[in-house]
C-alpha atoms as a PDB file:
ATOM      1  CA  MET A   1     -17.728  11.821  -1.650  1.00  0.00           C
ATOM      2  CA  LYS A   2     -20.017   8.894  -2.749  1.00  0.00           C
ATOM      3  CA  ASN A   3     -20.947  10.560  -6.054  1.00  0.00           C
ATOM      4  CA  HIS A   4     -17.186  11.189  -6.722  1.00  0.00           C
ATOM      5  CA  THR A   5     -16.356   7.571  -6.040  1.00  0.00           C
ATOM      6  CA  SER A   6     -19.251   6.346  -8.181  1.00  0.00           C
ATOM      7  CA  SER A   7     -18.064   8.586 -10.989  1.00  0.00           C
ATOM      8  CA  ILE A   8     -14.488   7.055 -10.863  1.00  0.00           C
ATOM      9  CA  LEU A   9     -16.017   3.555 -10.750  1.00  0.00           C
ATOM     10  CA  ALA A  10     -18.129   4.258 -13.786  1.00  0.00           C
ATOM     11  CA  LYS A  11     -15.303   5.751 -15.787  1.00  0.00           C
ATOM     12  CA  LEU A  12     -13.113   2.597 -15.125  1.00  0.00           C
ATOM     13  CA  GLY A  13     -15.944   0.285 -15.662  1.00  0.00           C
ATOM     14  CA  ALA A  14     -15.382  -1.237 -12.197  1.00  0.00           C
ATOM     15  CA  ARG A  15     -18.054  -2.409  -9.761  1.00  0.00           C
ATOM     16  CA  ASP A  16     -16.123  -1.740  -6.519  1.00  0.00           C
ATOM     17  CA  ARG A  17     -13.006   0.044  -5.245  1.00  0.00           C
ATOM     18  CA  THR A  18     -10.763  -3.017  -5.356  1.00  0.00           C
ATOM     19  CA  ARG A  19     -11.496  -3.615  -8.959  1.00  0.00           C
ATOM     20  CA  ALA A  20     -11.128  -0.003  -9.771  1.00  0.00           C
ATOM     21  CA  VAL A  21      -7.495  -0.012  -8.340  1.00  0.00           C
ATOM     22  CA  LEU A  22      -6.728  -3.182 -10.245  1.00  0.00           C
ATOM     23  CA  LYS A  23      -8.018  -1.595 -13.528  1.00  0.00           C
ATOM     24  CA  ALA A  24      -6.088   1.616 -12.807  1.00  0.00           C
ATOM     25  CA  ILE A  25      -2.889  -0.433 -12.469  1.00  0.00           C
ATOM     26  CA  GLU A  26      -3.698  -2.398 -15.618  1.00  0.00           C
ATOM     27  CA  LEU A  27      -4.131   0.865 -17.531  1.00  0.00           C
ATOM     28  CA  GLY A  28      -0.919   2.411 -16.199  1.00  0.00           C
ATOM     29  CA  TYR A  29      -2.541   5.120 -14.050  1.00  0.00           C
ATOM     30  CA  LEU A  30      -1.041   3.738 -10.831  1.00  0.00           C
ATOM     31  CA  PRO A  31       2.352   2.026 -10.417  1.00  0.00           C
ATOM     32  CA  ARG A  32       2.232  -1.725  -9.811  1.00  0.00           C
ATOM     33  CA  GLU A  33       5.164  -1.826  -7.340  1.00  0.00           C
ATOM     34  CA  ILE A  34       3.423   0.238  -4.723  1.00  0.00           C
ATOM     35  CA  PHE A  35       0.753  -2.379  -4.397  1.00  0.00           C
ATOM     36  CA  GLU A  36       2.936  -5.528  -4.293  1.00  0.00           C
ATOM     37  CA  PRO A  37       2.761  -7.281  -0.927  1.00  0.00           C
ATOM     38  CA  ARG A  38       5.809  -7.601   1.211  1.00  0.00           C
ATOM     39  CA  SER A  39       6.444 -10.568   3.461  1.00  0.00           C
ATOM     40  CA  VAL A  40       5.619  -9.861   7.110  1.00  0.00           C
ATOM     41  CA  GLY A  41       8.468  -8.347   9.063  1.00  0.00           C
ATOM     42  CA  ALA A  42      10.446  -7.620   5.878  1.00  0.00           C
ATOM     43  CA  LEU A  43      11.983  -4.146   5.667  1.00  0.00           C
ATOM     44  CA  PRO A  44      13.191  -2.536   2.416  1.00  0.00           C
ATOM     45  CA  ALA A  45      17.008  -2.469   2.248  1.00  0.00           C
ATOM     46  CA  GLU A  46      17.162   1.380   2.616  1.00  0.00           C
ATOM     47  CA  GLU A  47      15.083   1.508   5.852  1.00  0.00           C
ATOM     48  CA  GLY A  48      16.481  -0.946   8.308  1.00  0.00           C
ATOM     49  CA  PRO A  49      15.299  -1.221  12.007  1.00  0.00           C
ATOM     50  CA  PRO A  50      14.085   1.836  13.842  1.00  0.00           C
ATOM     51  CA  PRO A  51      16.645   3.816  15.713  1.00  0.00           C
ATOM     52  CA  GLN A  52      17.085   3.045  19.496  1.00  0.00           C
ATOM     53  CA  HIS A  53      16.849   5.828  22.066  1.00  0.00           C
ATOM     54  CA  PRO A  54      20.196   6.579  23.958  1.00  0.00           C
ATOM     55  CA  GLY A  55      20.281   4.704  27.231  1.00  0.00           C
ATOM     56  CA  LYS A  56      17.325   2.381  26.319  1.00  0.00           C
ATOM     57  CA  GLN A  57      17.803  -1.224  25.321  1.00  0.00           C
ATOM     58  CA  ALA A  58      15.525  -3.132  23.057  1.00  0.00           C
ATOM     59  CA  VAL A  59      13.268  -5.651  24.864  1.00  0.00           C
ATOM     60  CA  PRO A  60      12.813  -8.854  22.883  1.00  0.00           C
ATOM     61  CA  ILE A  61       9.205  -9.798  22.023  1.00  0.00           C
ATOM     62  CA  ARG A  62       8.350 -13.250  23.080  1.00  0.00           C
END
């Protein structure tokens, strides 16, 4: 696995995995929107909160 990772780093001209991901995004190999950070606690509009089990009530976190 180390040889495979080293090969990818060399092909992208990156010195570590983080820079390899950034270079891959820059070159269009990876979509940028997958790696954009979301604010803590934010859910995408299509997901919403998790479903509740019948007969169970949500307990508020303090």
